[in-house]
Amino acid sequence: MATPGDLSEIQSLYPYLDIKPLTRQLETAMMFYMRGFSAVAASKAAGYVNSKVLRAFIESEEGHAILEYLQNRHFQDIRVTRDHLTQMLFEAHAKAATATEEIAAIRELGKMHDLYENDKRKGAVNVNIDNAVKIANPKQLERMSNEQLLQFVGDDIKGLLIEGEVEKEPPITEDPDYDEELDV
């Protein structure tokens, strides 16, 4: 959907580029075309039966002037605002082929506009290890050393190797049955 603001953007170019005003339908088709629609899709979105009118305008000097100016301006001044994202999500919702796609667009709109309770609390763990370590965030577990993790889980997994750890050999002690004469 081309908004009045979009159309006024093209209308503001007429005096600057010395172009005669376009019809509302052609302005709408041009905005869709500038958004990345194909000439056929932009024409249909603007209400044309076929794309001949839009293609002819795009190939004209006036069409080239408008396209070149808008492309240069948009590439120099690319800004995505919350309003742009909202409009894009509404368009995605309207074009959704399945209910899942519609729901995904609705969820994204809700998140973007802070309509859901704080999701950061999901997965939060509050644990005290002998009053020494307090874990309030799962990321803290990722940053803990192997010794701290072993302390955290307790004696339940003593003797298990942690990935990447090498089993320590027991200290060598004197063997009471060792006979030096037999060792050759």
C-alpha atoms as a PDB file:
ATOM      1  CA  MET A   1       0.000   0.000   0.000  1.00  0.00           C
ATOM      2  CA  ALA A   2       1.441   3.359  -0.995  1.00  0.00           C
ATOM      3  CA  THR A   3       0.885   5.882   1.773  1.00  0.00           C
ATOM      4  CA  PRO A   4       0.145   9.573   1.217  1.00  0.00           C
ATOM      5  CA  GLY A   5       3.679  10.259   2.485  1.00  0.00           C
ATOM      6  CA  ASP A   6       5.127   8.004  -0.199  1.00  0.00           C
ATOM      7  CA  LEU A   7       3.135   9.721  -2.902  1.00  0.00           C
ATOM      8  CA  SER A   8       4.068  13.170  -1.631  1.00  0.00           C
ATOM      9  CA  GLU A   9       7.704  12.130  -1.975  1.00  0.00           C
ATOM     10  CA  ILE A  10       7.239  11.710  -5.731  1.00  0.00           C
ATOM     11  CA  GLN A  11       5.082  14.852  -5.930  1.00  0.00           C
ATOM     12  CA  SER A  12       7.826  16.893  -4.269  1.00  0.00           C
ATOM     13  CA  LEU A  13      10.149  16.032  -7.161  1.00  0.00           C
ATOM     14  CA  TYR A  14       8.053  17.648  -9.914  1.00  0.00           C
ATOM     15  CA  PRO A  15       9.356  21.211  -9.494  1.00  0.00           C
ATOM     16  CA  TYR A  16      12.880  20.042  -8.666  1.00  0.00           C
ATOM     17  CA  LEU A  17      13.211  17.783 -11.722  1.00  0.00           C
ATOM     18  CA  ASP A  18      10.983  19.972 -13.928  1.00  0.00           C
ATOM     19  CA  ILE A  19       8.538  17.123 -14.620  1.00  0.00           C
ATOM     20  CA  LYS A  20       4.828  17.425 -15.275  1.00  0.00           C
ATOM     21  CA  PRO A  21       2.699  15.814 -12.523  1.00  0.00           C
ATOM     22  CA  LEU A  22       1.877  12.131 -12.857  1.00  0.00           C
ATOM     23  CA  THR A  23      -1.510  10.574 -12.303  1.00  0.00           C
ATOM     24  CA  ARG A  24      -2.191   9.188  -8.840  1.00  0.00           C
ATOM     25  CA  GLN A  25      -2.234   5.684 -10.316  1.00  0.00           C
ATOM     26  CA  LEU A  26       1.157   6.120 -11.984  1.00  0.00           C
ATOM     27  CA  GLU A  27       2.608   7.631  -8.797  1.00  0.00           C
ATOM     28  CA  THR A  28       1.399   4.572  -6.879  1.00  0.00           C
ATOM     29  CA  ALA A  29       2.854   2.195  -9.469  1.00  0.00           C
ATOM     30  CA  MET A  30       6.192   4.034  -9.315  1.00  0.00           C
ATOM     31  CA  MET A  31       6.329   3.760  -5.514  1.00  0.00           C
ATOM     32  CA  PHE A  32       5.700   0.015  -5.672  1.00  0.00           C
ATOM     33  CA  TYR A  33       8.324  -0.279  -8.394  1.00  0.00           C
ATOM     34  CA  MET A  34      10.809   1.664  -6.235  1.00  0.00           C
ATOM     35  CA  ARG A  35      10.113  -0.705  -3.339  1.00  0.00           C
ATOM     36  CA  GLY A  36      11.352  -3.601  -5.431  1.00  0.00           C
ATOM     37  CA  PHE A  37       8.158  -4.873  -7.043  1.00  0.00           C
ATOM     38  CA  SER A  38       8.482  -6.036 -10.630  1.00  0.00           C
ATOM     39  CA  ALA A  39       6.881  -3.769 -13.232  1.00  0.00           C
ATOM     40  CA  VAL A  40       4.016  -6.266 -13.610  1.00  0.00           C
ATOM     41  CA  ALA A  41       3.413  -6.549  -9.854  1.00  0.00           C
ATOM     42  CA  ALA A  42       3.689  -2.772  -9.326  1.00  0.00           C
ATOM     43  CA  SER A  43       1.212  -2.149 -12.129  1.00  0.00           C
ATOM     44  CA  LYS A  44      -1.276  -4.631 -10.691  1.00  0.00           C
ATOM     45  CA  ALA A  45      -0.860  -3.179  -7.190  1.00  0.00           C
ATOM     46  CA  ALA A  46      -1.660   0.259  -8.599  1.00  0.00           C
ATOM     47  CA  GLY A  47      -4.733  -1.042 -10.415  1.00  0.00           C
ATOM     48  CA  TYR A  48      -3.457  -1.259 -13.986  1.00  0.00           C
ATOM     49  CA  VAL A  49      -4.631  -4.145 -16.170  1.00  0.00           C
ATOM     50  CA  ASN A  50      -1.152  -4.619 -17.631  1.00  0.00           C
ATOM     51  CA  SER A  51       2.295  -3.104 -17.203  1.00  0.00           C
ATOM     52  CA  LYS A  52       2.549  -1.224 -20.525  1.00  0.00           C
ATOM     53  CA  VAL A  53       1.910   2.211 -19.024  1.00  0.00           C
ATOM     54  CA  LEU A  54       4.447   1.766 -16.218  1.00  0.00           C
ATOM     55  CA  ARG A  55       7.083   0.255 -18.511  1.00  0.00           C
ATOM     56  CA  ALA A  56       6.666   3.107 -20.977  1.00  0.00           C
ATOM     57  CA  PHE A  57       7.027   5.681 -18.192  1.00  0.00           C
ATOM     58  CA  ILE A  58      10.061   3.951 -16.678  1.00  0.00           C
ATOM     59  CA  GLU A  59      11.781   4.029 -20.068  1.00  0.00           C
ATOM     60  CA  SER A  60      10.978   7.729 -20.602  1.00  0.00           C
ATOM     61  CA  GLU A  61      13.356  10.552 -19.630  1.00  0.00           C
ATOM     62  CA  GLU A  62      11.025  11.612 -16.825  1.00  0.00           C
ATOM     63  CA  GLY A  63      10.883   8.077 -15.462  1.00  0.00           C
ATOM     64  CA  HIS A  64      14.670   7.768 -15.588  1.00  0.00           C
ATOM     65  CA  ALA A  65      15.036  11.122 -13.818  1.00  0.00           C
ATOM     66  CA  ILE A  66      12.660  10.137 -10.994  1.00  0.00           C
ATOM     67  CA  LEU A  67      14.200   6.678 -10.546  1.00  0.00           C
ATOM     68  CA  GLU A  68      17.755   7.987 -10.584  1.00  0.00           C
ATOM     69  CA  TYR A  69      17.012  10.773  -8.128  1.00  0.00           C
ATOM     70  CA  LEU A  70      15.123   8.535  -5.688  1.00  0.00           C
ATOM     71  CA  GLN A  71      17.716   5.758  -5.878  1.00  0.00           C
ATOM     72  CA  ASN A  72      20.545   8.183  -5.176  1.00  0.00           C
ATOM     73  CA  ARG A  73      18.670   9.791  -2.317  1.00  0.00           C
ATOM     74  CA  HIS A  74      17.652   6.474  -0.778  1.00  0.00           C
ATOM     75  CA  PHE A  75      21.140   5.013  -1.031  1.00  0.00           C
ATOM     76  CA  GLN A  76      22.616   8.099   0.600  1.00  0.00           C
ATOM     77  CA  ASP A  77      19.984   8.280   3.303  1.00  0.00           C
ATOM     78  CA  ILE A  78      18.980   4.752   4.258  1.00  0.00           C
ATOM     79  CA  ARG A  79      17.027   4.780   7.487  1.00  0.00           C
ATOM     80  CA  VAL A  80      14.764   2.097   8.816  1.00  0.00           C
ATOM     81  CA  THR A  81      12.353   3.400  11.392  1.00  0.00           C
ATOM     82  CA  ARG A  82       9.906   1.648  13.627  1.00  0.00           C
ATOM     83  CA  ASP A  83       7.135   2.930  11.340  1.00  0.00           C
ATOM     84  CA  HIS A  84       8.804   1.368   8.281  1.00  0.00           C
ATOM     85  CA  LEU A  85       9.171  -1.957  10.074  1.00  0.00           C
ATOM     86  CA  THR A  86       5.579  -1.811  11.245  1.00  0.00           C
ATOM     87  CA  GLN A  87       4.376  -1.139   7.707  1.00  0.00           C
ATOM     88  CA  MET A  88       6.498  -4.000   6.351  1.00  0.00           C
ATOM     89  CA  LEU A  89       5.135  -6.380   8.987  1.00  0.00           C
ATOM     90  CA  PHE A  90       1.567  -5.358   8.167  1.00  0.00           C
ATOM     91  CA  GLU A  91       2.310  -6.044   4.494  1.00  0.00           C
ATOM     92  CA  ALA A  92       3.821  -9.430   5.421  1.00  0.00           C
ATOM     93  CA  HIS A  93       0.724 -10.212   7.478  1.00  0.00           C
ATOM     94  CA  ALA A  94      -1.559  -9.269   4.599  1.00  0.00           C
ATOM     95  CA  LYS A  95       0.422 -11.426   2.163  1.00  0.00           C
ATOM     96  CA  ALA A  96       0.758 -14.392   4.512  1.00  0.00           C
ATOM     97  CA  ALA A  97      -0.163 -17.679   2.903  1.00  0.00           C
ATOM     98  CA  THR A  98      -0.718 -19.554   6.157  1.00  0.00           C
ATOM     99  CA  ALA A  99      -1.969 -18.826   9.638  1.00  0.00           C
ATOM    100  CA  THR A 100       1.531 -19.537  10.965  1.00  0.00           C
ATOM    101  CA  GLU A 101       2.974 -16.714   8.864  1.00  0.00           C
ATOM    102  CA  GLU A 102       0.219 -14.358  10.053  1.00  0.00           C
ATOM    103  CA  ILE A 103       0.856 -15.244  13.683  1.00  0.00           C
ATOM    104  CA  ALA A 104       4.607 -14.754  13.231  1.00  0.00           C
ATOM    105  CA  ALA A 105       4.014 -11.253  11.844  1.00  0.00           C
ATOM    106  CA  ILE A 106       1.648 -10.436  14.717  1.00  0.00           C
ATOM    107  CA  ARG A 107       4.197 -11.659  17.287  1.00  0.00           C
ATOM    108  CA  GLU A 108       6.946  -9.565  15.726  1.00  0.00           C
ATOM    109  CA  LEU A 109       4.687  -6.505  15.804  1.00  0.00           C
ATOM    110  CA  GLY A 110       3.955  -7.143  19.469  1.00  0.00           C
ATOM    111  CA  LYS A 111       7.633  -7.532  20.329  1.00  0.00           C
ATOM    112  CA  MET A 112       8.622  -4.456  18.356  1.00  0.00           C
ATOM    113  CA  HIS A 113       6.037  -2.323  20.146  1.00  0.00           C
ATOM    114  CA  ASP A 114       6.832  -3.799  23.589  1.00  0.00           C
ATOM    115  CA  LEU A 115       3.376  -5.274  24.070  1.00  0.00           C
ATOM    116  CA  TYR A 116       4.643  -8.452  25.728  1.00  0.00           C
ATOM    117  CA  GLU A 117       6.013  -8.739  29.219  1.00  0.00           C
ATOM    118  CA  ASN A 118       9.765  -8.767  29.473  1.00  0.00           C
ATOM    119  CA  ASP A 119      10.963 -11.990  27.793  1.00  0.00           C
ATOM    120  CA  LYS A 120      14.408 -11.677  29.345  1.00  0.00           C
ATOM    121  CA  ARG A 121      13.136 -13.297  32.516  1.00  0.00           C
ATOM    122  CA  LYS A 122      12.531 -16.576  30.674  1.00  0.00           C
ATOM    123  CA  GLY A 123      15.050 -19.189  31.691  1.00  0.00           C
ATOM    124  CA  ALA A 124      16.351 -17.188  34.641  1.00  0.00           C
ATOM    125  CA  VAL A 125      17.714 -19.377  37.414  1.00  0.00           C
ATOM    126  CA  ASN A 126      18.228 -18.127  40.931  1.00  0.00           C
ATOM    127  CA  VAL A 127      20.600 -20.448  42.756  1.00  0.00           C
ATOM    128  CA  ASN A 128      22.930 -19.934  45.684  1.00  0.00           C
ATOM    129  CA  ILE A 129      25.933 -22.219  46.008  1.00  0.00           C
ATOM    130  CA  ASP A 130      26.876 -22.176  49.664  1.00  0.00           C
ATOM    131  CA  ASN A 131      26.187 -18.443  49.626  1.00  0.00           C
ATOM    132  CA  ALA A 132      29.288 -18.073  47.446  1.00  0.00           C
ATOM    133  CA  VAL A 133      27.896 -17.890  43.898  1.00  0.00           C
ATOM    134  CA  LYS A 134      24.499 -16.583  42.876  1.00  0.00           C
ATOM    135  CA  ILE A 135      23.318 -17.560  39.389  1.00  0.00           C
ATOM    136  CA  ALA A 136      20.586 -15.361  38.005  1.00  0.00           C
ATOM    137  CA  ASN A 137      21.266 -15.833  34.306  1.00  0.00           C
ATOM    138  CA  PRO A 138      21.961 -18.988  32.266  1.00  0.00           C
ATOM    139  CA  LYS A 139      24.905 -17.158  30.636  1.00  0.00           C
ATOM    140  CA  GLN A 140      26.630 -17.223  34.017  1.00  0.00           C
ATOM    141  CA  LEU A 141      26.693 -21.007  33.839  1.00  0.00           C
ATOM    142  CA  GLU A 142      28.479 -20.803  30.492  1.00  0.00           C
ATOM    143  CA  ARG A 143      31.177 -18.587  31.989  1.00  0.00           C
ATOM    144  CA  MET A 144      31.804 -20.776  35.057  1.00  0.00           C
ATOM    145  CA  SER A 145      34.992 -22.818  35.318  1.00  0.00           C
ATOM    146  CA  ASN A 146      34.838 -26.615  35.504  1.00  0.00           C
ATOM    147  CA  GLU A 147      35.581 -26.493  39.226  1.00  0.00           C
ATOM    148  CA  GLN A 148      32.711 -24.073  39.835  1.00  0.00           C
ATOM    149  CA  LEU A 149      30.355 -26.234  37.789  1.00  0.00           C
ATOM    150  CA  LEU A 150      31.395 -29.336  39.745  1.00  0.00           C
ATOM    151  CA  GLN A 151      30.790 -27.431  42.966  1.00  0.00           C
ATOM    152  CA  PHE A 152      27.395 -26.394  41.589  1.00  0.00           C
ATOM    153  CA  VAL A 153      26.238 -29.959  40.814  1.00  0.00           C
ATOM    154  CA  GLY A 154      27.740 -31.475  43.935  1.00  0.00           C
ATOM    155  CA  ASP A 155      28.921 -35.034  44.473  1.00  0.00           C
ATOM    156  CA  ASP A 156      26.486 -36.557  41.967  1.00  0.00           C
ATOM    157  CA  ILE A 157      28.973 -36.628  39.096  1.00  0.00           C
ATOM    158  CA  LYS A 158      32.305 -37.085  40.889  1.00  0.00           C
ATOM    159  CA  GLY A 159      34.581 -39.256  38.781  1.00  0.00           C
ATOM    160  CA  LEU A 160      33.118 -38.237  35.426  1.00  0.00           C
ATOM    161  CA  LEU A 161      35.353 -36.511  32.928  1.00  0.00           C
ATOM    162  CA  ILE A 162      34.366 -33.125  31.546  1.00  0.00           C
ATOM    163  CA  GLU A 163      34.812 -32.808  27.794  1.00  0.00           C
ATOM    164  CA  GLY A 164      38.340 -31.717  26.947  1.00  0.00           C
ATOM    165  CA  GLU A 165      39.695 -32.666  30.376  1.00  0.00           C
ATOM    166  CA  VAL A 166      42.391 -35.320  30.684  1.00  0.00           C
ATOM    167  CA  GLU A 167      42.128 -37.934  33.376  1.00  0.00           C
ATOM    168  CA  LYS A 168      44.762 -37.303  36.022  1.00  0.00           C
ATOM    169  CA  GLU A 169      47.030 -40.220  36.821  1.00  0.00           C
ATOM    170  CA  PRO A 170      47.231 -41.165  40.470  1.00  0.00           C
ATOM    171  CA  PRO A 171      50.456 -40.236  42.221  1.00  0.00           C
ATOM    172  CA  ILE A 172      53.182 -42.939  42.096  1.00  0.00           C
ATOM    173  CA  THR A 173      53.809 -44.562  45.425  1.00  0.00           C
ATOM    174  CA  GLU A 174      56.252 -47.260  46.428  1.00  0.00           C
ATOM    175  CA  ASP A 175      55.047 -50.741  45.535  1.00  0.00           C
ATOM    176  CA  PRO A 176      55.595 -53.109  48.449  1.00  0.00           C
ATOM    177  CA  ASP A 177      55.796 -56.082  46.068  1.00  0.00           C
ATOM    178  CA  TYR A 178      58.455 -54.493  43.854  1.00  0.00           C
ATOM    179  CA  ASP A 179      61.672 -56.461  43.513  1.00  0.00           C
ATOM    180  CA  GLU A 180      64.532 -54.629  41.866  1.00  0.00           C
ATOM    181  CA  GLU A 181      66.380 -57.843  40.951  1.00  0.00           C
ATOM    182  CA  LEU A 182      63.458 -59.071  38.845  1.00  0.00           C
ATOM    183  CA  ASP A 183      63.251 -55.785  36.889  1.00  0.00           C
ATOM    184  CA  VAL A 184      65.540 -56.157  33.914  1.00  0.00           C
END
